[in-house]
Amino acid sequence: MLRTLRRRLTEVSSQVGPESQGAETLSQMGKMKSSFLPTALGLVTALTAGTLSLACGGAINQPKATGSATKTANPLVAQYAVSSGCIGEAVVEFGPDTSYGRSTSSVPVVGGYKTSNILVAGMRASTTYHMRADVTCLDSGQPISTPDTTFTTGPLPSIPFPHMTVSRPNPSKSSPENPGIELVNIIQLTSTDSMQAYFIDRDANPIWYYDVGANKYPFTMKLLPNGHMILSIFGPDFSTLREVDLTGNIVREMPIDDLANKTNAAGYSFRPTDYHHDICILPNGHLIVLVQNVKDFTDLPGYPGTTSVGGDALIELDENWNPVWAWNTFDHLDVNRHLYGLPDWTHSNAVVYDSKDGNLLLSMRHQSWIIKIDYANGTGSGNILWHLGYQGDFALTQKGIPTDDPSLWFSFQHFPSIVSQKDTQTTLAVWDNGDYRVMDTSGDVCVLDCYSRAVLFQYDESSKVANIVWQHLPGLYSLWGGSINQLANENVEFDLNAPFPNTAFASEVEEVTQTSSPQTVWKMDISRVNAYRAYRVPSLYPGVTWQK
């Protein structure tokens, strides 16, 4: 009976419009046919508020919610406990005052005034924050909020963060600074004197970090769709894949030897020796991990005797981290093409998923190529579909004008990222380090005249033409590392790592306008240690963008 009554009252409510109260509700209800109303009102009179549930999880009175924040193992992260009268979803808003300004992702709440916990991250050290949870009830869509509470973060850890200085040389009204925060990834064995995996706000204040341990560094750190972090961590005789939550608790881990045993059991012909440089997160929740493997060759040209050559491999891991697809460089490329010499043959540094056709892009630094691999969402042959770069499969144009100038190709590049796609055309951002850049058609490479670029290529897979649509030469040579993205506001951000000849900073991260004469709207200098990657992300939570 109660279920029937609730359904019928909902029907009445939907006819009278949005929630009404008092005489207005009775007046509107009185205009309706009266066949149901007397019975309904009689039952309402007969039943108590404790037995008739008109709102999710609560009685006739509006359901309530309470919340409190407590410390976690990470001094910059709080655990917010919310209890609600209704089943629904909650986000926690937080900020330096009651205007808040930041929020978490939406998290399910169990209702019945039982506690649901939400990790709150993205706060500066030794600072008091205001917090509240906003709950949306599942049954009614009714919003309720917990009372405001405060939480004070702890101090930063004893391991210091690199000195970072932010400036805004040319703030632009037409292309204002893009929202979000900065991911900083340092790959040096300096964890005893410098934090290596962390996020900062755009004023260079640390707001989250993960200590990978002494004598180790994170090749990769990325945010997973479930709100956890995935890292590939490397050190002497150490290589592991690790998932952690926002407090830094290990959710799961797979050392490289465990992966090697799994690939052997799956029948793959190679044994991975290390995780390195990148992890690609696929839409279905699987991972593509970039690993190294070694193969011995005898009497290669210029290398008499036995040479143990290091090449790259890709392994797809399912949701249980079991290998389900693999690709090996040695099966598809000629080992005698080595621009940097041997044994470090290919030295790949980035894997990109192409959602248009389900294939993979692989950036091979020591080949000066970005190749496309027939992955086909796990059903592909692994064949190389094309090579992008000098001596590859594409003709080159600059702003639509054909050119045979080899110096305009990228060289020893990092971090290709897909900007946009339409039909057969893809726009790709590339951080062009410029090492061993081929300067002329005679094949001469740069020595003292090397330079680095932030560059956007638009390549057409049908016509096999790659067109330089935009580039920016910041005036320094980035020896290694680096990253690049086109931001949501169409500015371009890049990490100029290990600059030469400037030694005043170890890395410089810039957000510049995508114009013919780019203006720097935001800049961060990092001292002492090199940022292998530093780039903007919307927030620490999937689907959430922080404006400041």
Protein backbone atom coordinates (compact mmCIF):
# COMPACT_ATOMS: atom_id res chain seq x y z
CA MET A 1 0.00 0.00 0.00
CA LEU A 2 2.77 2.41 0.88
CA ARG A 3 4.49 1.80 -2.45
CA THR A 4 1.23 2.44 -4.33
CA LEU A 5 0.59 5.59 -2.32
CA ARG A 6 4.10 6.85 -2.92
CA ARG A 7 3.74 6.28 -6.66
CA ARG A 8 0.36 8.04 -6.81
CA LEU A 9 1.58 10.99 -4.74
CA THR A 10 4.53 11.27 -7.11
CA GLU A 11 2.05 11.40 -10.01
CA VAL A 12 0.13 14.18 -8.26
CA SER A 13 3.36 16.04 -7.56
CA SER A 14 4.40 15.81 -11.20
CA GLN A 15 1.07 17.35 -12.26
CA VAL A 16 1.24 20.30 -9.88
CA GLY A 17 4.78 21.15 -10.98
CA PRO A 18 7.88 21.77 -8.86
CA GLU A 19 7.81 21.24 -5.12
CA SER A 20 5.07 23.42 -3.59
CA GLN A 21 4.16 23.94 0.00
CA GLY A 22 1.21 24.89 2.20
CA ALA A 23 -1.94 26.45 0.82
CA GLU A 24 -0.56 26.69 -2.72
CA THR A 25 -0.15 22.90 -2.87
CA LEU A 26 -3.66 22.26 -1.52
CA SER A 27 -5.12 24.80 -3.91
CA GLN A 28 -3.50 23.16 -6.91
CA MET A 29 -4.44 19.70 -5.75
CA GLY A 30 -8.02 20.82 -5.26
CA LYS A 31 -8.31 21.63 -8.95
CA MET A 32 -7.65 18.01 -9.87
CA LYS A 33 -10.05 15.12 -10.07
CA SER A 34 -10.94 14.09 -6.53
CA SER A 35 -11.20 10.33 -6.97
CA PHE A 36 -7.74 9.71 -5.49
CA LEU A 37 -7.20 12.73 -3.25
CA PRO A 38 -9.54 11.89 -0.32
CA THR A 39 -8.04 8.42 0.00
CA ALA A 40 -4.52 9.78 -0.15
CA LEU A 41 -5.17 12.49 2.41
CA GLY A 42 -6.87 9.98 4.67
CA LEU A 43 -3.87 7.70 4.57
CA VAL A 44 -1.52 10.62 5.18
CA THR A 45 -3.55 11.50 8.26
CA ALA A 46 -3.62 7.93 9.49
CA LEU A 47 0.05 7.14 9.01
CA THR A 48 2.89 8.69 10.98
CA ALA A 49 5.86 10.52 9.51
CA GLY A 50 8.08 7.65 10.55
CA THR A 51 6.25 5.15 8.33
CA LEU A 52 5.52 7.21 5.23
CA SER A 53 8.64 8.00 3.23
CA LEU A 54 8.14 10.90 0.85
CA ALA A 55 11.82 11.70 0.36
CA CYS A 56 14.76 9.42 -0.26
CA GLY A 57 15.70 7.59 2.88
CA GLY A 58 13.89 10.02 5.12
CA ALA A 59 10.45 10.75 6.50
CA ILE A 60 8.06 13.55 5.57
CA ASN A 61 10.69 15.94 6.86
CA GLN A 62 13.55 16.76 4.50
CA PRO A 63 16.44 14.27 4.85
CA LYS A 64 19.63 15.61 6.39
CA ALA A 65 23.33 15.00 5.97
CA THR A 66 26.31 15.40 8.26
CA GLY A 67 30.03 15.40 7.56
CA SER A 68 33.46 15.58 9.17
CA ALA A 69 37.06 15.62 7.96
CA THR A 70 39.98 13.69 9.43
CA LYS A 71 43.68 13.31 8.65
CA THR A 72 45.19 10.62 6.42
CA ALA A 73 48.71 9.32 5.84
CA ASN A 74 49.22 12.14 3.33
CA PRO A 75 49.27 15.51 5.17
CA LEU A 76 47.72 17.21 2.13
CA VAL A 77 44.76 14.80 1.92
CA ALA A 78 41.67 14.63 4.15
CA GLN A 79 39.13 11.86 4.54
CA TYR A 80 35.66 13.34 4.58
CA ALA A 81 33.00 11.16 6.20
CA VAL A 82 29.49 11.96 5.00
CA SER A 83 26.29 10.38 6.31
CA SER A 84 23.01 11.05 4.56
CA GLY A 85 19.41 10.11 5.09
CA CYS A 86 19.08 9.26 1.41
CA ILE A 87 20.88 7.07 -1.08
CA GLY A 88 22.54 9.23 -3.69
CA GLU A 89 25.78 10.84 -4.78
CA ALA A 90 27.97 13.43 -3.08
CA VAL A 91 30.77 15.79 -3.96
CA VAL A 92 32.90 17.60 -1.42
CA GLU A 93 33.47 21.30 -2.01
CA PHE A 94 36.55 22.82 -0.39
CA GLY A 95 38.49 26.05 -0.37
CA PRO A 96 40.08 28.70 1.86
CA ASP A 97 36.65 30.17 2.71
CA THR A 98 32.97 29.31 2.38
CA SER A 99 32.94 30.19 -1.30
CA TYR A 100 34.97 26.94 -1.63
CA GLY A 101 36.06 26.91 -5.31
CA ARG A 102 37.19 23.30 -5.74
CA SER A 103 35.36 20.01 -5.59
CA THR A 104 35.93 16.28 -5.75
CA SER A 105 34.35 13.88 -8.20
CA SER A 106 30.89 12.54 -7.44
CA VAL A 107 30.94 9.54 -5.08
CA PRO A 108 28.04 7.22 -4.16
CA VAL A 109 26.58 7.56 -0.63
CA VAL A 110 24.82 4.62 0.94
CA GLY A 111 22.02 6.46 2.75
CA GLY A 112 20.33 5.43 5.95
CA TYR A 113 22.71 7.75 7.81
CA LYS A 114 25.52 5.28 7.26
CA THR A 115 28.98 6.71 6.62
CA SER A 116 30.54 7.06 3.16
CA ASN A 117 34.16 8.24 2.90
CA ILE A 118 35.51 10.63 0.28
CA LEU A 119 39.21 11.49 -0.09
CA VAL A 120 39.75 15.23 -0.51
CA ALA A 121 43.01 16.25 -2.20
CA GLY A 122 44.31 19.39 -3.85
CA MET A 123 45.16 21.54 -0.82
CA ARG A 124 48.26 23.50 0.13
CA ALA A 125 50.33 22.51 3.15
CA SER A 126 49.71 23.97 6.63
CA THR A 127 46.52 25.71 5.54
CA THR A 128 42.96 25.72 6.94
CA TYR A 129 40.24 24.79 4.45
CA HIS A 130 36.46 24.96 4.62
CA MET A 131 34.56 21.88 3.44
CA ARG A 132 31.05 20.68 2.90
CA ALA A 133 29.44 17.77 1.08
CA ASP A 134 26.65 18.33 -1.43
CA VAL A 135 24.41 15.28 -1.64
CA THR A 136 21.92 14.65 -4.46
CA CYS A 137 19.24 12.17 -3.40
CA LEU A 138 18.71 9.35 -5.89
CA ASP A 139 14.93 9.08 -5.54
CA SER A 140 13.95 12.72 -5.70
CA GLY A 141 16.95 14.55 -7.08
CA GLN A 142 16.67 16.64 -3.94
CA PRO A 143 19.95 18.43 -3.03
CA ILE A 144 21.10 18.62 0.57
CA SER A 145 24.36 19.89 2.04
CA THR A 146 26.27 19.15 5.19
CA PRO A 147 27.13 22.01 7.55
CA ASP A 148 30.42 23.75 6.83
CA THR A 149 33.45 22.30 8.62
CA THR A 150 37.16 23.07 8.57
CA PHE A 151 40.30 21.00 8.09
CA THR A 152 43.92 22.05 8.47
CA THR A 153 46.51 20.35 6.29
CA GLY A 154 49.86 19.26 7.68
CA PRO A 155 53.34 20.42 6.68
CA LEU A 156 55.16 19.17 3.62
CA PRO A 157 57.40 16.09 4.07
CA SER A 158 61.06 16.39 4.99
CA ILE A 159 62.05 15.56 1.41
CA PRO A 160 62.08 19.03 -0.14
CA PHE A 161 60.39 20.04 -3.35
CA PRO A 162 62.45 21.68 -6.10
CA HIS A 163 62.46 25.44 -6.06
CA MET A 164 59.81 26.65 -8.52
CA THR A 165 59.15 30.23 -9.61
CA VAL A 166 56.02 31.28 -11.53
CA SER A 167 55.69 34.44 -13.61
CA ARG A 168 53.09 35.76 -16.03
CA PRO A 169 55.10 37.84 -18.53
CA ASN A 170 52.32 38.57 -21.04
CA PRO A 171 48.87 37.91 -19.54
CA SER A 172 46.37 37.86 -22.39
CA LYS A 173 42.72 38.91 -22.31
CA SER A 174 42.03 37.17 -25.61
CA SER A 175 43.76 33.91 -24.57
CA PRO A 176 43.70 33.88 -20.78
CA GLU A 177 45.62 31.36 -18.70
CA ASN A 178 44.09 27.92 -19.02
CA PRO A 179 42.44 26.39 -15.90
CA GLY A 180 43.86 23.37 -14.11
CA ILE A 181 46.94 22.30 -12.17
CA GLU A 182 50.43 21.07 -13.09
CA LEU A 183 51.70 17.49 -13.01
CA VAL A 184 55.47 17.39 -12.47
CA ASN A 185 57.43 14.19 -13.11
CA ILE A 186 61.16 14.06 -12.31
CA ILE A 187 63.20 11.03 -13.36
CA GLN A 188 66.49 11.41 -11.51
CA LEU A 189 67.89 9.35 -8.65
CA THR A 190 67.60 12.29 -6.27
CA SER A 191 64.73 11.25 -4.01
CA THR A 192 66.94 11.79 -0.95
CA ASP A 193 67.03 15.50 -1.69
CA SER A 194 64.09 16.23 -3.97
CA MET A 195 60.48 15.13 -4.32
CA GLN A 196 59.90 13.57 -7.74
CA ALA A 197 56.19 12.91 -8.31
CA TYR A 198 53.83 15.71 -7.44
CA PHE A 199 51.14 18.18 -8.51
CA ILE A 200 51.21 21.93 -7.94
CA ASP A 201 48.73 24.75 -8.39
CA ARG A 202 49.50 27.42 -10.96
CA ASP A 203 51.31 29.48 -8.33
CA ALA A 204 53.77 26.59 -7.78
CA ASN A 205 52.36 25.46 -4.42
CA PRO A 206 52.53 21.67 -3.95
CA ILE A 207 49.02 20.22 -3.54
CA TRP A 208 49.70 16.45 -3.84
CA TYR A 209 52.74 14.22 -3.90
CA TYR A 210 53.83 10.61 -3.86
CA ASP A 211 57.17 9.53 -2.40
CA VAL A 212 58.52 6.69 -4.57
CA GLY A 213 61.33 5.95 -2.11
CA ALA A 214 65.07 6.51 -2.02
CA ASN A 215 67.12 5.62 -5.10
CA LYS A 216 64.03 5.29 -7.28
CA TYR A 217 62.17 7.52 -9.68
CA PRO A 218 58.80 7.53 -11.47
CA PHE A 219 59.07 7.05 -15.21
CA THR A 220 55.34 7.70 -15.43
CA MET A 221 52.59 9.12 -13.22
CA LYS A 222 49.03 9.41 -14.54
CA LEU A 223 45.52 9.77 -13.15
CA LEU A 224 43.29 6.74 -13.65
CA PRO A 225 39.55 6.96 -14.40
CA ASN A 226 38.82 5.58 -10.89
CA GLY A 227 40.64 8.51 -9.25
CA HIS A 228 43.78 6.55 -8.35
CA MET A 229 47.30 7.18 -9.66
CA ILE A 230 49.23 4.73 -11.82
CA LEU A 231 53.04 4.86 -11.70
CA SER A 232 55.88 2.96 -13.30
CA ILE A 233 58.77 3.18 -10.83
CA PHE A 234 62.40 2.44 -11.66
CA GLY A 235 65.63 2.08 -9.69
CA PRO A 236 68.76 -0.05 -9.52
CA ASP A 237 67.57 -3.65 -9.87
CA PHE A 238 64.01 -2.40 -9.38
CA SER A 239 61.09 -1.88 -11.76
CA THR A 240 57.42 -2.04 -10.83
CA LEU A 241 53.94 -0.99 -11.91
CA ARG A 242 51.98 0.46 -8.99
CA GLU A 243 48.47 1.81 -8.42
CA VAL A 244 47.95 4.05 -5.38
CA ASP A 245 45.01 5.97 -3.99
CA LEU A 246 45.14 9.66 -3.11
CA THR A 247 46.52 8.95 0.34
CA GLY A 248 49.41 6.99 -1.19
CA ASN A 249 48.15 3.59 -0.07
CA ILE A 250 49.14 0.86 -2.52
CA VAL A 251 46.05 -0.57 -4.21
CA ARG A 252 47.96 -3.12 -6.28
CA GLU A 253 51.43 -3.67 -7.69
CA MET A 254 53.17 -5.82 -10.28
CA PRO A 255 57.00 -6.02 -10.28
CA ILE A 256 58.58 -6.57 -13.69
CA ASP A 257 59.52 -10.17 -12.86
CA ASP A 258 55.85 -10.96 -12.25
CA LEU A 259 54.96 -9.48 -15.63
CA ALA A 260 57.77 -11.46 -17.25
CA ASN A 261 56.39 -14.67 -15.78
CA LYS A 262 52.93 -13.81 -17.06
CA THR A 263 54.17 -13.07 -20.59
CA ASN A 264 56.08 -16.34 -20.58
CA ALA A 265 52.98 -18.25 -19.47
CA ALA A 266 50.98 -16.49 -22.21
CA GLY A 267 53.45 -17.74 -24.83
CA TYR A 268 55.04 -14.43 -25.87
CA SER A 269 58.50 -14.71 -27.43
CA PHE A 270 60.23 -12.00 -25.40
CA ARG A 271 60.89 -11.32 -21.73
CA PRO A 272 60.38 -7.73 -20.48
CA THR A 273 63.28 -6.46 -18.37
CA ASP A 274 61.95 -3.05 -17.27
CA TYR A 275 58.92 -0.79 -17.36
CA HIS A 276 59.96 2.51 -18.85
CA HIS A 277 58.81 5.94 -19.99
CA ASP A 278 55.05 5.57 -20.51
CA ILE A 279 51.72 3.91 -19.75
CA CYS A 280 48.72 4.34 -22.05
CA ILE A 281 45.29 4.14 -20.37
CA LEU A 282 42.69 2.69 -22.75
CA PRO A 283 38.97 3.55 -22.79
CA ASN A 284 38.03 -0.01 -21.75
CA GLY A 285 40.13 0.20 -18.58
CA HIS A 286 43.05 -1.81 -19.98
CA LEU A 287 46.62 -0.51 -19.94
CA ILE A 288 49.36 -0.51 -22.57
CA VAL A 289 52.70 -0.62 -20.77
CA LEU A 290 55.95 0.27 -22.53
CA VAL A 291 58.71 -2.15 -21.58
CA GLN A 292 62.23 -2.94 -22.68
CA ASN A 293 63.58 -6.28 -23.81
CA VAL A 294 67.01 -7.40 -25.00
CA LYS A 295 68.10 -9.50 -27.95
CA ASP A 296 71.63 -10.66 -28.82
CA PHE A 297 73.05 -10.10 -32.32
CA THR A 298 76.32 -11.35 -33.77
CA ASP A 299 78.65 -9.31 -35.97
CA LEU A 300 76.33 -6.45 -36.82
CA PRO A 301 77.93 -3.90 -39.20
CA GLY A 302 80.30 -1.85 -37.06
CA TYR A 303 79.69 -4.07 -34.01
CA PRO A 304 81.85 -7.21 -34.16
CA GLY A 305 81.11 -10.04 -31.79
CA THR A 306 77.93 -10.29 -29.72
CA THR A 307 75.89 -7.15 -29.04
CA SER A 308 72.98 -7.20 -26.60
CA VAL A 309 70.58 -4.72 -28.22
CA GLY A 310 67.87 -3.03 -26.18
CA GLY A 311 64.52 -2.64 -27.95
CA ASP A 312 60.99 -1.73 -26.95
CA ALA A 313 57.85 -3.78 -26.54
CA LEU A 314 54.20 -3.00 -25.79
CA ILE A 315 52.05 -5.20 -23.59
CA GLU A 316 48.31 -4.77 -23.13
CA LEU A 317 47.12 -5.59 -19.61
CA ASP A 318 43.47 -6.36 -18.90
CA GLU A 319 41.58 -5.17 -15.81
CA ASN A 320 43.35 -7.86 -13.76
CA TRP A 321 46.76 -6.88 -15.17
CA ASN A 322 47.09 -10.04 -17.22
CA PRO A 323 48.71 -9.71 -20.69
CA VAL A 324 46.26 -10.08 -23.57
CA TRP A 325 48.19 -8.55 -26.52
CA ALA A 326 51.84 -7.76 -27.19
CA TRP A 327 54.08 -6.13 -29.77
CA ASN A 328 57.89 -6.35 -30.07
CA THR A 329 60.15 -3.89 -31.89
CA PHE A 330 62.49 -6.66 -32.99
CA ASP A 331 59.71 -8.23 -35.07
CA HIS A 332 59.04 -5.10 -37.13
CA LEU A 333 62.11 -2.85 -37.54
CA ASP A 334 65.61 -3.19 -38.99
CA VAL A 335 68.16 -3.21 -36.17
CA ASN A 336 70.75 -1.69 -38.55
CA ARG A 337 68.91 1.65 -38.57
CA HIS A 338 70.20 3.22 -35.36
CA LEU A 339 70.57 7.00 -35.24
CA TYR A 340 72.14 6.96 -31.76
CA GLY A 341 74.16 3.79 -32.15
CA LEU A 342 73.83 0.57 -30.21
CA PRO A 343 72.94 -0.96 -27.80
CA ASP A 344 70.20 1.66 -27.02
CA TRP A 345 68.42 1.06 -30.30
CA THR A 346 64.89 2.54 -30.31
CA HIS A 347 64.40 4.28 -26.92
CA SER A 348 60.67 4.83 -27.27
CA ASN A 349 59.15 7.35 -24.88
CA ALA A 350 55.38 7.68 -25.46
CA VAL A 351 52.37 5.57 -26.44
CA VAL A 352 49.19 7.27 -27.72
CA TYR A 353 45.84 5.61 -28.37
CA ASP A 354 44.11 6.74 -31.57
CA SER A 355 40.39 6.59 -30.76
CA LYS A 356 39.49 7.15 -34.42
CA ASP A 357 40.58 3.68 -35.51
CA GLY A 358 41.71 1.95 -32.31
CA ASN A 359 45.38 1.85 -33.29
CA LEU A 360 48.50 3.02 -31.43
CA LEU A 361 51.11 5.72 -32.02
CA LEU A 362 54.57 5.04 -30.65
CA SER A 363 57.22 7.77 -30.34
CA MET A 364 60.66 6.27 -31.01
CA ARG A 365 63.25 8.86 -29.96
CA HIS A 366 66.31 7.06 -31.32
CA GLN A 367 64.65 6.54 -34.69
CA SER A 368 63.26 10.13 -34.94
CA TRP A 369 60.00 8.49 -35.92
CA ILE A 370 56.45 8.31 -34.69
CA ILE A 371 55.04 5.06 -35.98
CA LYS A 372 51.46 3.83 -36.22
CA ILE A 373 50.85 0.24 -35.13
CA ASP A 374 47.94 -1.95 -36.21
CA TYR A 375 46.46 -2.58 -32.78
CA ALA A 376 42.76 -2.45 -33.75
CA ASN A 377 41.57 -2.48 -30.14
CA GLY A 378 43.47 -5.65 -29.36
CA THR A 379 42.72 -7.59 -32.54
CA GLY A 380 45.40 -6.09 -34.80
CA SER A 381 48.36 -7.76 -36.45
CA GLY A 382 50.96 -5.42 -34.94
CA ASN A 383 52.18 -4.40 -38.40
CA ILE A 384 53.58 -0.89 -38.76
CA LEU A 385 51.06 1.06 -40.83
CA TRP A 386 53.33 4.06 -41.40
CA HIS A 387 56.37 6.01 -40.18
CA LEU A 388 56.05 9.77 -39.54
CA GLY A 389 59.33 11.70 -39.66
CA TYR A 390 62.50 12.10 -41.69
CA GLN A 391 62.99 9.15 -44.09
CA GLY A 392 59.46 8.01 -43.26
CA ASP A 393 56.30 7.61 -45.33
CA PHE A 394 55.02 11.22 -45.44
CA ALA A 395 55.87 14.17 -47.65
CA LEU A 396 56.34 17.44 -45.74
CA THR A 397 54.74 20.84 -46.23
CA GLN A 398 54.90 24.02 -44.16
CA LYS A 399 51.65 25.98 -44.14
CA GLY A 400 50.70 24.02 -47.24
CA ILE A 401 53.91 24.71 -49.20
CA PRO A 402 55.96 21.59 -50.10
CA THR A 403 59.50 21.46 -48.74
CA ASP A 404 62.40 19.00 -48.83
CA ASP A 405 64.19 20.70 -45.91
CA PRO A 406 64.91 17.81 -43.49
CA SER A 407 65.53 20.20 -40.59
CA LEU A 408 61.80 20.91 -40.47
CA TRP A 409 61.07 17.36 -39.33
CA PHE A 410 61.13 16.63 -35.60
CA SER A 411 64.26 14.94 -34.27
CA PHE A 412 64.71 12.86 -31.08
CA GLN A 413 61.22 14.00 -30.07
CA HIS A 414 59.08 13.56 -26.96
CA PHE A 415 55.43 13.40 -25.97
CA PRO A 416 53.30 13.43 -29.13
CA SER A 417 49.69 14.21 -28.23
CA ILE A 418 46.63 14.19 -30.46
CA VAL A 419 45.03 17.63 -30.64
CA SER A 420 42.13 16.97 -33.02
CA GLN A 421 40.93 14.61 -35.75
CA LYS A 422 38.63 15.02 -38.73
CA ASP A 423 38.19 12.47 -41.51
CA THR A 424 41.69 11.38 -42.58
CA GLN A 425 43.46 14.33 -40.93
CA THR A 426 45.00 14.38 -37.46
CA THR A 427 46.63 17.34 -35.72
CA LEU A 428 49.50 16.20 -33.53
CA ALA A 429 51.51 18.24 -31.02
CA VAL A 430 55.17 17.20 -30.70
CA TRP A 431 57.99 18.41 -28.44
CA ASP A 432 60.87 18.47 -30.94
CA ASN A 433 64.10 18.24 -28.91
CA GLY A 434 66.28 18.52 -32.01
CA ASP A 435 69.16 16.23 -31.05
CA TYR A 436 71.03 15.04 -34.15
CA ARG A 437 68.74 17.14 -36.32
CA VAL A 438 69.46 16.57 -40.02
CA MET A 439 70.17 20.08 -41.27
CA ASP A 440 70.42 19.64 -45.03
CA THR A 441 69.86 17.20 -47.86
CA SER A 442 73.48 16.02 -47.54
CA GLY A 443 72.59 14.47 -44.20
CA ASP A 444 74.71 16.76 -42.02
CA VAL A 445 73.47 16.87 -38.40
CA CYS A 446 73.49 19.78 -35.99
CA VAL A 447 76.38 20.21 -33.56
CA LEU A 448 76.45 23.70 -32.07
CA ASP A 449 73.36 24.87 -33.95
CA CYS A 450 70.82 22.42 -32.45
CA TYR A 451 67.48 23.91 -31.39
CA SER A 452 64.18 22.73 -29.93
CA ARG A 453 60.57 23.50 -30.92
CA ALA A 454 57.00 23.25 -29.84
CA VAL A 455 55.33 22.20 -33.10
CA LEU A 456 51.94 21.13 -34.43
CA PHE A 457 51.78 18.81 -37.44
CA GLN A 458 48.59 18.03 -39.33
CA TYR A 459 49.03 14.76 -41.16
CA ASP A 460 46.71 13.23 -43.72
CA GLU A 461 46.74 9.43 -43.66
CA SER A 462 45.18 9.23 -47.12
CA SER A 463 47.50 11.53 -49.05
CA LYS A 464 50.50 10.82 -46.77
CA VAL A 465 51.29 14.52 -46.39
CA ALA A 466 52.32 16.10 -43.07
CA ASN A 467 51.87 19.87 -42.79
CA ILE A 468 53.50 22.11 -40.18
CA VAL A 469 50.62 24.33 -39.06
CA TRP A 470 52.29 26.09 -36.11
CA GLN A 471 55.63 26.18 -34.38
CA HIS A 472 57.40 28.10 -31.65
CA LEU A 473 61.17 28.23 -31.13
CA PRO A 474 61.80 29.43 -27.54
CA GLY A 475 65.49 30.00 -28.27
CA LEU A 476 66.99 27.17 -26.23
CA TYR A 477 68.04 23.61 -26.94
CA SER A 478 66.28 21.02 -24.77
CA LEU A 479 68.73 18.13 -24.52
CA TRP A 480 66.23 15.48 -23.36
CA GLY A 481 62.79 15.03 -21.91
CA GLY A 482 59.92 17.44 -22.29
CA SER A 483 56.20 17.44 -22.99
CA ILE A 484 53.61 19.40 -24.96
CA ASN A 485 49.82 19.81 -25.08
CA GLN A 486 47.35 22.07 -26.75
CA LEU A 487 45.16 23.30 -23.90
CA ALA A 488 41.40 23.74 -23.88
CA ASN A 489 41.77 27.49 -24.53
CA GLU A 490 43.95 26.61 -27.57
CA ASN A 491 47.12 27.93 -25.95
CA VAL A 492 50.06 25.53 -26.11
CA GLU A 493 51.98 24.43 -23.03
CA PHE A 494 55.42 22.82 -23.22
CA ASP A 495 58.15 21.68 -20.86
CA LEU A 496 61.58 22.79 -22.03
CA ASN A 497 63.74 20.38 -20.05
CA ALA A 498 67.53 20.36 -19.58
CA PRO A 499 68.07 23.62 -21.51
CA PHE A 500 71.34 24.49 -23.19
CA PRO A 501 73.14 26.86 -22.90
CA ASN A 502 71.04 28.47 -20.14
CA THR A 503 71.95 26.98 -16.74
CA ALA A 504 69.89 29.29 -14.52
CA PHE A 505 67.11 26.69 -14.38
CA ALA A 506 66.82 22.95 -14.94
CA SER A 507 63.42 23.08 -16.66
CA GLU A 508 61.13 25.82 -17.91
CA VAL A 509 57.43 25.23 -18.46
CA GLU A 510 55.56 27.76 -20.59
CA GLU A 511 51.99 28.37 -21.68
CA VAL A 512 52.04 30.43 -24.88
CA THR A 513 49.44 31.75 -27.28
CA GLN A 514 49.03 29.79 -30.49
CA THR A 515 49.75 32.80 -32.69
CA SER A 516 52.33 33.66 -35.32
CA SER A 517 54.29 35.55 -32.62
CA PRO A 518 53.54 33.49 -29.49
CA GLN A 519 53.21 35.37 -26.21
CA THR A 520 54.07 33.68 -22.91
CA VAL A 521 51.05 34.04 -20.61
CA TRP A 522 52.37 31.73 -17.84
CA LYS A 523 55.86 30.44 -17.08
CA MET A 524 57.43 28.28 -14.37
CA ASP A 525 61.15 27.85 -13.80
CA ILE A 526 62.33 24.76 -11.91
CA SER A 527 65.76 24.80 -10.29
CA ARG A 528 68.31 22.03 -9.71
CA VAL A 529 66.37 19.03 -11.04
CA ASN A 530 64.96 18.28 -14.47
CA ALA A 531 61.25 17.84 -15.04
CA TYR A 532 61.04 14.97 -17.50
CA ARG A 533 57.38 15.85 -17.96
CA ALA A 534 55.41 18.83 -16.66
CA TYR A 535 51.97 19.52 -18.06
CA ARG A 536 48.54 20.82 -17.16
CA VAL A 537 45.70 18.56 -16.10
CA PRO A 538 42.16 19.68 -15.17
CA SER A 539 42.32 18.52 -11.52
CA LEU A 540 43.09 15.54 -9.31
CA TYR A 541 39.64 14.10 -10.05
CA PRO A 542 38.32 12.57 -13.29
CA GLY A 543 35.76 14.78 -15.01
CA VAL A 544 36.42 17.80 -12.75
CA THR A 545 38.14 21.05 -13.78
CA TRP A 546 39.51 23.46 -11.20
CA GLN A 547 39.52 27.05 -12.38
CA LYS A 548 42.23 28.09 -9.91
